[in-house]
Amino acid sequence: MSKRLGRGLDALIPSLSVNDDDKVTEIPLNQLRPNPYQPRKTFDDDAIKELAESIKQHGVIQPIIVRTVLKGYEIIAGERRFRASQYCGNATVPAVIRNFSDQQVMEIALIENLQREDLNAIELSLAYQALMDKFDLTQEELSMKVGKSRSHIANFLRLLTLPEQIKDNVSRGTLSMGHARALVGVKDDSRKKELADHAIANEWSVRDLEEAIQKLDQQLPLKTKPTSKKRDPYIEELEETLRDQFKTTVKIKQQKDKGRIELLYYNKQDLERLLELLK
């Protein structure tokens, strides 16, 4: 099944492909609504702007796929093109109308994002759980539909048992999927939070976290960074100002009359955001 996924979304779901025989309709943007089963919760603003620039020059080359609903149309595939068209100020977008069931719409949204690797671990876990709940699927049935092993599905679903604070850290990238999987095995939620806080503050690798969990089981003290000397209040205030400006963690490391400023980023998009601010 994984090989089948690799052939592309059109190969897996042929009804998503657009050919010369299809009727393309210009649909007003105000009659369209996003797919309610879309598992991706955030869209990269810079990527949408880049696509909008392309649409301004060349138009929407590939029509979006929609289905008819009670009030207008629902987007099945092509939400980025829809958003970029909105950004351009366009009144309509070319679309092909198809008939899909709720289950097909949900599966398409998940598989499309799976192939493009657009989802973070928590979004993916929530999408898997939603599919199972909505259509009464077992883990085995879901694994067949999305082309993943049952153990893969189970590992992601376990992440949903983590406290909200930790899930939020995984979503933002301050903790990795590996960190999250290690924390799932800790029984007490307060211990999970304590370990997560230590992992972030001390920049632990997954291996560091696993060792800390073992030490906790053996009632040994956790490894922490050496206690720092009392810091200059001016430097601390400056860090706070920069944190507000850049919306990320800022560290100023001072050595006599010289030093360095560190800006923490959590993914490629966050890095690009910071670079744009620095310009």
C-alpha atoms as a PDB file:
ATOM      1  CA  MET A   1       0.000   0.000   0.000  1.00  0.00           C
ATOM      2  CA  SER A   2       2.876   2.410   0.721  1.00  0.00           C
ATOM      3  CA  LYS A   3       4.078   1.945  -2.871  1.00  0.00           C
ATOM      4  CA  ARG A   4       0.617   2.781  -4.027  1.00  0.00           C
ATOM      5  CA  LEU A   5       0.678   6.012  -2.064  1.00  0.00           C
ATOM      6  CA  GLY A   6       4.000   6.896  -3.659  1.00  0.00           C
ATOM      7  CA  ARG A   7       2.408   6.883  -7.111  1.00  0.00           C
ATOM      8  CA  GLY A   8       0.542  10.070  -6.279  1.00  0.00           C
ATOM      9  CA  LEU A   9      -2.892  11.090  -5.089  1.00  0.00           C
ATOM     10  CA  ASP A  10      -4.430  10.837  -8.564  1.00  0.00           C
ATOM     11  CA  ALA A  11      -3.338   7.190  -8.810  1.00  0.00           C
ATOM     12  CA  LEU A  12      -4.886   6.395  -5.437  1.00  0.00           C
ATOM     13  CA  ILE A  13      -8.073   8.385  -6.041  1.00  0.00           C
ATOM     14  CA  PRO A  14      -8.568   8.637  -9.842  1.00  0.00           C
ATOM     15  CA  SER A  15     -11.659  10.838  -9.454  1.00  0.00           C
ATOM     16  CA  LEU A  16      -9.362  13.682  -8.331  1.00  0.00           C
ATOM     17  CA  SER A  17      -7.600  13.864 -11.679  1.00  0.00           C
ATOM     18  CA  VAL A  18      -8.757  16.519 -14.170  1.00  0.00           C
ATOM     19  CA  ASN A  19      -8.812  15.734 -17.895  1.00  0.00           C
ATOM     20  CA  ASP A  20      -9.847  17.477 -21.097  1.00  0.00           C
ATOM     21  CA  ASP A  21     -13.349  16.022 -20.954  1.00  0.00           C
ATOM     22  CA  ASP A  22     -14.136  17.623 -17.605  1.00  0.00           C
ATOM     23  CA  LYS A  23     -16.380  20.662 -17.454  1.00  0.00           C
ATOM     24  CA  VAL A  24     -14.556  23.513 -15.721  1.00  0.00           C
ATOM     25  CA  THR A  25     -16.802  26.065 -13.986  1.00  0.00           C
ATOM     26  CA  GLU A  26     -15.813  29.491 -12.678  1.00  0.00           C
ATOM     27  CA  ILE A  27     -17.217  29.473  -9.143  1.00  0.00           C
ATOM     28  CA  PRO A  28     -17.469  32.680  -7.040  1.00  0.00           C
ATOM     29  CA  LEU A  29     -15.135  32.526  -4.060  1.00  0.00           C
ATOM     30  CA  ASN A  30     -17.939  33.596  -1.720  1.00  0.00           C
ATOM     31  CA  GLN A  31     -19.824  30.396  -2.622  1.00  0.00           C
ATOM     32  CA  LEU A  32     -16.937  28.161  -1.535  1.00  0.00           C
ATOM     33  CA  ARG A  33     -16.148  26.864   1.913  1.00  0.00           C
ATOM     34  CA  PRO A  34     -13.077  24.911   3.084  1.00  0.00           C
ATOM     35  CA  ASN A  35     -13.149  21.172   3.635  1.00  0.00           C
ATOM     36  CA  PRO A  36     -14.363  20.676   7.252  1.00  0.00           C
ATOM     37  CA  TYR A  37     -12.290  17.497   7.439  1.00  0.00           C
ATOM     38  CA  GLN A  38      -9.047  19.270   6.518  1.00  0.00           C
ATOM     39  CA  PRO A  39      -6.534  17.985   9.103  1.00  0.00           C
ATOM     40  CA  ARG A  40      -4.034  20.771   8.471  1.00  0.00           C
ATOM     41  CA  LYS A  41      -4.784  23.590  10.920  1.00  0.00           C
ATOM     42  CA  THR A  42      -2.207  26.133   9.746  1.00  0.00           C
ATOM     43  CA  PHE A  43      -1.184  27.354   6.298  1.00  0.00           C
ATOM     44  CA  ASP A  44       2.170  28.962   5.499  1.00  0.00           C
ATOM     45  CA  ASP A  45       1.360  32.612   4.737  1.00  0.00           C
ATOM     46  CA  ASP A  46       4.556  33.106   2.715  1.00  0.00           C
ATOM     47  CA  ALA A  47       3.781  30.074   0.551  1.00  0.00           C
ATOM     48  CA  ILE A  48       0.239  31.364  -0.059  1.00  0.00           C
ATOM     49  CA  LYS A  49       1.655  34.766  -1.088  1.00  0.00           C
ATOM     50  CA  GLU A  50       4.104  33.113  -3.501  1.00  0.00           C
ATOM     51  CA  LEU A  51       1.266  31.101  -5.045  1.00  0.00           C
ATOM     52  CA  ALA A  52      -0.818  34.279  -5.278  1.00  0.00           C
ATOM     53  CA  GLU A  53       1.968  35.985  -7.255  1.00  0.00           C
ATOM     54  CA  SER A  54       2.024  33.036  -9.652  1.00  0.00           C
ATOM     55  CA  ILE A  55      -1.760  33.221 -10.047  1.00  0.00           C
ATOM     56  CA  LYS A  56      -1.554  36.949 -10.796  1.00  0.00           C
ATOM     57  CA  GLN A  57       0.844  36.194 -13.661  1.00  0.00           C
ATOM     58  CA  HIS A  58      -0.484  32.904 -15.021  1.00  0.00           C
ATOM     59  CA  GLY A  59      -3.929  32.385 -13.494  1.00  0.00           C
ATOM     60  CA  VAL A  60      -5.039  29.195 -11.730  1.00  0.00           C
ATOM     61  CA  ILE A  61      -3.560  26.528 -14.023  1.00  0.00           C
ATOM     62  CA  GLN A  62      -5.075  23.491 -12.276  1.00  0.00           C
ATOM     63  CA  PRO A  63      -8.799  23.743 -11.381  1.00  0.00           C
ATOM     64  CA  ILE A  64      -9.739  22.951  -7.798  1.00  0.00           C
ATOM     65  CA  ILE A  65     -12.057  20.010  -7.046  1.00  0.00           C
ATOM     66  CA  VAL A  66     -15.335  20.728  -5.237  1.00  0.00           C
ATOM     67  CA  ARG A  67     -18.615  19.077  -4.345  1.00  0.00           C
ATOM     68  CA  THR A  68     -22.071  20.628  -4.117  1.00  0.00           C
ATOM     69  CA  VAL A  69     -23.395  21.190  -0.587  1.00  0.00           C
ATOM     70  CA  LEU A  70     -26.528  22.792   0.848  1.00  0.00           C
ATOM     71  CA  LYS A  71     -25.202  26.354   0.570  1.00  0.00           C
ATOM     72  CA  GLY A  72     -22.736  26.557  -2.304  1.00  0.00           C
ATOM     73  CA  TYR A  73     -19.702  24.327  -2.708  1.00  0.00           C
ATOM     74  CA  GLU A  74     -17.170  22.573  -0.510  1.00  0.00           C
ATOM     75  CA  ILE A  75     -13.489  22.330  -1.461  1.00  0.00           C
ATOM     76  CA  ILE A  76     -12.235  18.755  -1.827  1.00  0.00           C
ATOM     77  CA  ALA A  77      -8.748  19.485  -3.174  1.00  0.00           C
ATOM     78  CA  GLY A  78      -7.083  22.835  -3.781  1.00  0.00           C
ATOM     79  CA  GLU A  79      -7.557  24.907  -0.628  1.00  0.00           C
ATOM     80  CA  ARG A  80      -4.167  26.611  -1.136  1.00  0.00           C
ATOM     81  CA  ARG A  81      -5.261  27.731  -4.626  1.00  0.00           C
ATOM     82  CA  PHE A  82      -8.528  28.984  -3.119  1.00  0.00           C
ATOM     83  CA  ARG A  83      -6.705  30.965  -0.400  1.00  0.00           C
ATOM     84  CA  ALA A  84      -4.195  32.365  -2.876  1.00  0.00           C
ATOM     85  CA  SER A  85      -7.048  33.459  -5.168  1.00  0.00           C
ATOM     86  CA  GLN A  86      -8.623  35.251  -2.213  1.00  0.00           C
ATOM     87  CA  TYR A  87      -5.302  36.958  -1.514  1.00  0.00           C
ATOM     88  CA  CYS A  88      -5.158  38.126  -5.141  1.00  0.00           C
ATOM     89  CA  GLY A  89      -8.612  39.643  -4.833  1.00  0.00           C
ATOM     90  CA  ASN A  90     -10.048  37.381  -7.529  1.00  0.00           C
ATOM     91  CA  ALA A  91     -13.812  36.999  -7.647  1.00  0.00           C
ATOM     92  CA  THR A  92     -13.874  33.405  -8.973  1.00  0.00           C
ATOM     93  CA  VAL A  93     -11.735  30.285  -9.248  1.00  0.00           C
ATOM     94  CA  PRO A  94     -11.899  27.517 -11.897  1.00  0.00           C
ATOM     95  CA  ALA A  95     -13.334  24.301 -10.469  1.00  0.00           C
ATOM     96  CA  VAL A  96     -14.503  20.827 -11.419  1.00  0.00           C
ATOM     97  CA  ILE A  97     -17.565  19.550  -9.558  1.00  0.00           C
ATOM     98  CA  ARG A  98     -17.495  15.941  -8.310  1.00  0.00           C
ATOM     99  CA  ASN A  99     -19.738  13.755  -6.173  1.00  0.00           C
ATOM    100  CA  PHE A 100     -18.036  12.558  -2.974  1.00  0.00           C
ATOM    101  CA  SER A 101     -19.312  11.057   0.269  1.00  0.00           C
ATOM    102  CA  ASP A 102     -18.252  12.468   3.648  1.00  0.00           C
ATOM    103  CA  GLN A 103     -15.910   9.512   4.156  1.00  0.00           C
ATOM    104  CA  GLN A 104     -14.260  10.030   0.758  1.00  0.00           C
ATOM    105  CA  VAL A 105     -13.788  13.749   1.488  1.00  0.00           C
ATOM    106  CA  MET A 106     -12.168  13.008   4.837  1.00  0.00           C
ATOM    107  CA  GLU A 107      -9.887  10.334   3.390  1.00  0.00           C
ATOM    108  CA  ILE A 108      -8.825  12.564   0.494  1.00  0.00           C
ATOM    109  CA  ALA A 109      -7.915  15.449   2.822  1.00  0.00           C
ATOM    110  CA  LEU A 110      -5.831  13.175   5.037  1.00  0.00           C
ATOM    111  CA  ILE A 111      -4.086  11.294   2.224  1.00  0.00           C
ATOM    112  CA  GLU A 112      -3.334  14.508   0.323  1.00  0.00           C
ATOM    113  CA  ASN A 113      -1.587  15.974   3.355  1.00  0.00           C
ATOM    114  CA  LEU A 114       0.138  12.698   4.168  1.00  0.00           C
ATOM    115  CA  GLN A 115       1.768  12.671   0.757  1.00  0.00           C
ATOM    116  CA  ARG A 116       2.906  16.275   1.037  1.00  0.00           C
ATOM    117  CA  GLU A 117       4.067  15.785   4.647  1.00  0.00           C
ATOM    118  CA  ASP A 118       2.205  18.971   5.634  1.00  0.00           C
ATOM    119  CA  LEU A 119       0.940  17.764   8.987  1.00  0.00           C
ATOM    120  CA  ASN A 120       2.713  17.882  12.313  1.00  0.00           C
ATOM    121  CA  ALA A 121       2.522  14.801  14.549  1.00  0.00           C
ATOM    122  CA  ILE A 122      -0.448  16.032  16.593  1.00  0.00           C
ATOM    123  CA  GLU A 123      -2.467  17.111  13.541  1.00  0.00           C
ATOM    124  CA  LEU A 124      -1.850  13.694  12.035  1.00  0.00           C
ATOM    125  CA  SER A 125      -2.874  11.927  15.249  1.00  0.00           C
ATOM    126  CA  LEU A 126      -6.099  13.950  15.423  1.00  0.00           C
ATOM    127  CA  ALA A 127      -6.835  13.204  11.770  1.00  0.00           C
ATOM    128  CA  TYR A 128      -6.404   9.471  12.310  1.00  0.00           C
ATOM    129  CA  GLN A 129      -8.651   9.552  15.379  1.00  0.00           C
ATOM    130  CA  ALA A 130     -11.305  11.601  13.561  1.00  0.00           C
ATOM    131  CA  LEU A 131     -11.407   9.103  10.682  1.00  0.00           C
ATOM    132  CA  MET A 132     -11.791   6.194  13.087  1.00  0.00           C
ATOM    133  CA  ASP A 133     -14.510   7.923  15.131  1.00  0.00           C
ATOM    134  CA  LYS A 134     -16.472   9.290  12.189  1.00  0.00           C
ATOM    135  CA  PHE A 135     -16.608   6.051  10.213  1.00  0.00           C
ATOM    136  CA  ASP A 136     -16.218   3.438  12.956  1.00  0.00           C
ATOM    137  CA  LEU A 137     -12.907   2.116  11.614  1.00  0.00           C
ATOM    138  CA  THR A 138     -10.478  -0.165  13.404  1.00  0.00           C
ATOM    139  CA  GLN A 139      -6.751   0.643  13.400  1.00  0.00           C
ATOM    140  CA  GLU A 140      -6.261  -2.194  10.915  1.00  0.00           C
ATOM    141  CA  GLU A 141      -8.933  -0.815   8.550  1.00  0.00           C
ATOM    142  CA  LEU A 142      -7.484   2.688   8.783  1.00  0.00           C
ATOM    143  CA  SER A 143      -3.964   1.400   8.090  1.00  0.00           C
ATOM    144  CA  MET A 144      -5.224  -0.178   4.855  1.00  0.00           C
ATOM    145  CA  LYS A 145      -6.944   3.030   3.761  1.00  0.00           C
ATOM    146  CA  VAL A 146      -3.959   5.346   4.293  1.00  0.00           C
ATOM    147  CA  GLY A 147      -1.211   2.895   3.336  1.00  0.00           C
ATOM    148  CA  LYS A 148       0.521   2.852   6.735  1.00  0.00           C
ATOM    149  CA  SER A 149       1.262  -0.009   9.127  1.00  0.00           C
ATOM    150  CA  ARG A 150      -1.042  -0.628  12.076  1.00  0.00           C
ATOM    151  CA  SER A 151       1.865   0.021  14.472  1.00  0.00           C
ATOM    152  CA  HIS A 152       2.394   3.414  12.798  1.00  0.00           C
ATOM    153  CA  ILE A 153      -1.264   4.285  13.399  1.00  0.00           C
ATOM    154  CA  ALA A 154      -1.096   3.060  17.007  1.00  0.00           C
ATOM    155  CA  ASN A 155       2.055   5.072  17.778  1.00  0.00           C
ATOM    156  CA  PHE A 156       0.452   8.302  16.579  1.00  0.00           C
ATOM    157  CA  LEU A 157      -2.833   7.675  18.401  1.00  0.00           C
ATOM    158  CA  ARG A 158      -0.916   7.229  21.665  1.00  0.00           C
ATOM    159  CA  LEU A 159       0.257  10.844  21.384  1.00  0.00           C
ATOM    160  CA  LEU A 160      -3.325  11.973  22.037  1.00  0.00           C
ATOM    161  CA  THR A 161      -3.048  10.668  25.605  1.00  0.00           C
ATOM    162  CA  LEU A 162      -0.388  13.290  26.401  1.00  0.00           C
ATOM    163  CA  PRO A 163      -1.300  16.436  28.415  1.00  0.00           C
ATOM    164  CA  GLU A 164      -2.375  19.427  26.314  1.00  0.00           C
ATOM    165  CA  GLN A 165       0.762  21.382  27.233  1.00  0.00           C
ATOM    166  CA  ILE A 166       2.997  18.663  25.769  1.00  0.00           C
ATOM    167  CA  LYS A 167       0.827  18.245  22.655  1.00  0.00           C
ATOM    168  CA  ASP A 168       1.121  21.988  22.109  1.00  0.00           C
ATOM    169  CA  ASN A 169       4.926  21.740  22.335  1.00  0.00           C
ATOM    170  CA  VAL A 170       4.927  18.929  19.771  1.00  0.00           C
ATOM    171  CA  SER A 171       2.686  20.972  17.437  1.00  0.00           C
ATOM    172  CA  ARG A 172       5.027  23.978  17.687  1.00  0.00           C
ATOM    173  CA  GLY A 173       8.138  21.859  17.218  1.00  0.00           C
ATOM    174  CA  THR A 174       9.725  22.505  20.611  1.00  0.00           C
ATOM    175  CA  LEU A 175       9.437  18.756  21.238  1.00  0.00           C
ATOM    176  CA  SER A 176       9.880  16.145  18.518  1.00  0.00           C
ATOM    177  CA  MET A 177       7.820  13.072  17.736  1.00  0.00           C
ATOM    178  CA  GLY A 178      10.601  11.034  19.373  1.00  0.00           C
ATOM    179  CA  HIS A 179      10.363  13.062  22.588  1.00  0.00           C
ATOM    180  CA  ALA A 180       6.590  12.634  22.595  1.00  0.00           C
ATOM    181  CA  ARG A 181       6.788   8.869  22.113  1.00  0.00           C
ATOM    182  CA  ALA A 182       9.203   8.601  25.034  1.00  0.00           C
ATOM    183  CA  LEU A 183       6.874  10.632  27.276  1.00  0.00           C
ATOM    184  CA  VAL A 184       3.852   8.464  26.447  1.00  0.00           C
ATOM    185  CA  GLY A 185       5.408   5.675  28.481  1.00  0.00           C
ATOM    186  CA  VAL A 186       5.497   7.791  31.663  1.00  0.00           C
ATOM    187  CA  LYS A 187       2.418   7.036  33.769  1.00  0.00           C
ATOM    188  CA  ASP A 188       2.059  10.217  35.841  1.00  0.00           C
ATOM    189  CA  ASP A 189       1.015  13.384  33.937  1.00  0.00           C
ATOM    190  CA  SER A 190       2.852  15.691  36.324  1.00  0.00           C
ATOM    191  CA  ARG A 191       6.028  13.685  35.715  1.00  0.00           C
ATOM    192  CA  LYS A 192       5.452  13.936  31.971  1.00  0.00           C
ATOM    193  CA  LYS A 193       5.202  17.726  32.221  1.00  0.00           C
ATOM    194  CA  GLU A 194       8.281  17.927  34.436  1.00  0.00           C
ATOM    195  CA  LEU A 195      10.309  15.859  31.978  1.00  0.00           C
ATOM    196  CA  ALA A 196       9.025  17.860  29.017  1.00  0.00           C
ATOM    197  CA  ASP A 197      10.005  21.131  30.705  1.00  0.00           C
ATOM    198  CA  HIS A 198      13.484  19.784  31.437  1.00  0.00           C
ATOM    199  CA  ALA A 199      13.859  18.520  27.855  1.00  0.00           C
ATOM    200  CA  ILE A 200      13.013  21.940  26.416  1.00  0.00           C
ATOM    201  CA  ALA A 201      15.026  23.996  28.920  1.00  0.00           C
ATOM    202  CA  ASN A 202      18.125  21.802  28.640  1.00  0.00           C
ATOM    203  CA  GLU A 203      17.763  21.066  24.902  1.00  0.00           C
ATOM    204  CA  TRP A 204      17.766  17.313  25.490  1.00  0.00           C
ATOM    205  CA  SER A 205      17.999  14.872  22.623  1.00  0.00           C
ATOM    206  CA  VAL A 206      15.521  11.986  22.566  1.00  0.00           C
ATOM    207  CA  ARG A 207      18.275   9.798  24.019  1.00  0.00           C
ATOM    208  CA  ASP A 208      18.804  12.298  26.877  1.00  0.00           C
ATOM    209  CA  LEU A 209      15.087  12.190  27.636  1.00  0.00           C
ATOM    210  CA  GLU A 210      14.982   8.395  27.604  1.00  0.00           C
ATOM    211  CA  GLU A 211      17.915   8.315  30.062  1.00  0.00           C
ATOM    212  CA  ALA A 212      16.138  10.849  32.285  1.00  0.00           C
ATOM    213  CA  ILE A 213      13.020   8.672  32.330  1.00  0.00           C
ATOM    214  CA  GLN A 214      15.128   5.707  33.428  1.00  0.00           C
ATOM    215  CA  LYS A 215      16.741   7.801  36.185  1.00  0.00           C
ATOM    216  CA  LEU A 216      13.312   8.949  37.340  1.00  0.00           C
ATOM    217  CA  ASP A 217      12.203   5.322  37.580  1.00  0.00           C
ATOM    218  CA  GLN A 218      15.298   4.681  39.735  1.00  0.00           C
ATOM    219  CA  GLN A 219      14.616   7.782  41.886  1.00  0.00           C
ATOM    220  CA  LEU A 220      17.799   9.512  40.630  1.00  0.00           C
ATOM    221  CA  PRO A 221      18.045  13.322  40.171  1.00  0.00           C
ATOM    222  CA  LEU A 222      17.480  14.661  36.658  1.00  0.00           C
ATOM    223  CA  LYS A 223      20.368  16.124  34.678  1.00  0.00           C
ATOM    224  CA  THR A 224      20.167  19.896  34.393  1.00  0.00           C
ATOM    225  CA  LYS A 225      22.403  22.653  33.154  1.00  0.00           C
ATOM    226  CA  PRO A 226      24.776  24.203  35.727  1.00  0.00           C
ATOM    227  CA  THR A 227      23.231  27.040  37.727  1.00  0.00           C
ATOM    228  CA  SER A 228      24.135  30.278  36.016  1.00  0.00           C
ATOM    229  CA  LYS A 229      25.535  33.349  37.729  1.00  0.00           C
ATOM    230  CA  LYS A 230      23.245  36.250  38.532  1.00  0.00           C
ATOM    231  CA  ARG A 231      22.504  37.998  35.271  1.00  0.00           C
ATOM    232  CA  ASP A 232      22.566  41.670  34.364  1.00  0.00           C
ATOM    233  CA  PRO A 233      18.981  43.034  34.711  1.00  0.00           C
ATOM    234  CA  TYR A 234      19.544  45.169  31.606  1.00  0.00           C
ATOM    235  CA  ILE A 235      20.362  42.046  29.550  1.00  0.00           C
ATOM    236  CA  GLU A 236      17.284  40.254  30.881  1.00  0.00           C
ATOM    237  CA  GLU A 237      15.071  43.224  30.026  1.00  0.00           C
ATOM    238  CA  LEU A 238      16.600  43.394  26.539  1.00  0.00           C
ATOM    239  CA  GLU A 239      15.913  39.687  26.012  1.00  0.00           C
ATOM    240  CA  GLU A 240      12.283  40.255  26.977  1.00  0.00           C
ATOM    241  CA  THR A 241      11.986  43.157  24.522  1.00  0.00           C
ATOM    242  CA  LEU A 242      13.446  41.056  21.700  1.00  0.00           C
ATOM    243  CA  ARG A 243      11.179  38.131  22.579  1.00  0.00           C
ATOM    244  CA  ASP A 244       8.155  40.394  22.175  1.00  0.00           C
ATOM    245  CA  GLN A 245       9.483  41.715  18.880  1.00  0.00           C
ATOM    246  CA  PHE A 246      10.429  38.394  17.283  1.00  0.00           C
ATOM    247  CA  LYS A 247       7.798  36.200  18.984  1.00  0.00           C
ATOM    248  CA  THR A 248      10.349  33.514  19.859  1.00  0.00           C
ATOM    249  CA  THR A 249      12.912  32.605  22.514  1.00  0.00           C
ATOM    250  CA  VAL A 250      15.868  35.023  22.535  1.00  0.00           C
ATOM    251  CA  LYS A 251      19.106  34.440  24.445  1.00  0.00           C
ATOM    252  CA  ILE A 252      21.838  37.027  24.895  1.00  0.00           C
ATOM    253  CA  LYS A 253      25.146  35.439  25.925  1.00  0.00           C
ATOM    254  CA  GLN A 254      27.599  37.997  27.236  1.00  0.00           C
ATOM    255  CA  GLN A 255      31.352  37.666  27.781  1.00  0.00           C
ATOM    256  CA  LYS A 256      32.849  40.900  29.135  1.00  0.00           C
ATOM    257  CA  ASP A 257      32.378  43.496  26.357  1.00  0.00           C
ATOM    258  CA  LYS A 258      31.350  41.064  23.617  1.00  0.00           C
ATOM    259  CA  GLY A 259      28.766  38.331  23.170  1.00  0.00           C
ATOM    260  CA  ARG A 260      26.108  36.938  20.849  1.00  0.00           C
ATOM    261  CA  ILE A 261      22.338  36.989  20.372  1.00  0.00           C
ATOM    262  CA  GLU A 262      20.546  33.687  19.659  1.00  0.00           C
ATOM    263  CA  LEU A 263      17.076  33.471  18.105  1.00  0.00           C
ATOM    264  CA  LEU A 264      15.336  30.113  18.403  1.00  0.00           C
ATOM    265  CA  TYR A 265      13.255  28.850  15.447  1.00  0.00           C
ATOM    266  CA  TYR A 266      11.124  25.708  15.343  1.00  0.00           C
ATOM    267  CA  ASN A 267      10.843  24.843  11.651  1.00  0.00           C
ATOM    268  CA  LYS A 268      11.728  26.103   8.175  1.00  0.00           C
ATOM    269  CA  GLN A 269       8.749  28.457   8.008  1.00  0.00           C
ATOM    270  CA  ASP A 270       9.633  29.957  11.384  1.00  0.00           C
ATOM    271  CA  LEU A 271      13.208  30.535  10.186  1.00  0.00           C
ATOM    272  CA  GLU A 272      11.971  32.292   7.058  1.00  0.00           C
ATOM    273  CA  ARG A 273       9.663  34.450   9.215  1.00  0.00           C
ATOM    274  CA  LEU A 274      12.598  35.550  11.375  1.00  0.00           C
ATOM    275  CA  LEU A 275      14.797  36.256   8.361  1.00  0.00           C
ATOM    276  CA  GLU A 276      12.071  38.457   6.916  1.00  0.00           C
ATOM    277  CA  LEU A 277      11.821  40.398  10.191  1.00  0.00           C
ATOM    278  CA  LEU A 278      15.583  40.822  10.306  1.00  0.00           C
ATOM    279  CA  LYS A 279      15.565  42.325   6.819  1.00  0.00           C
END
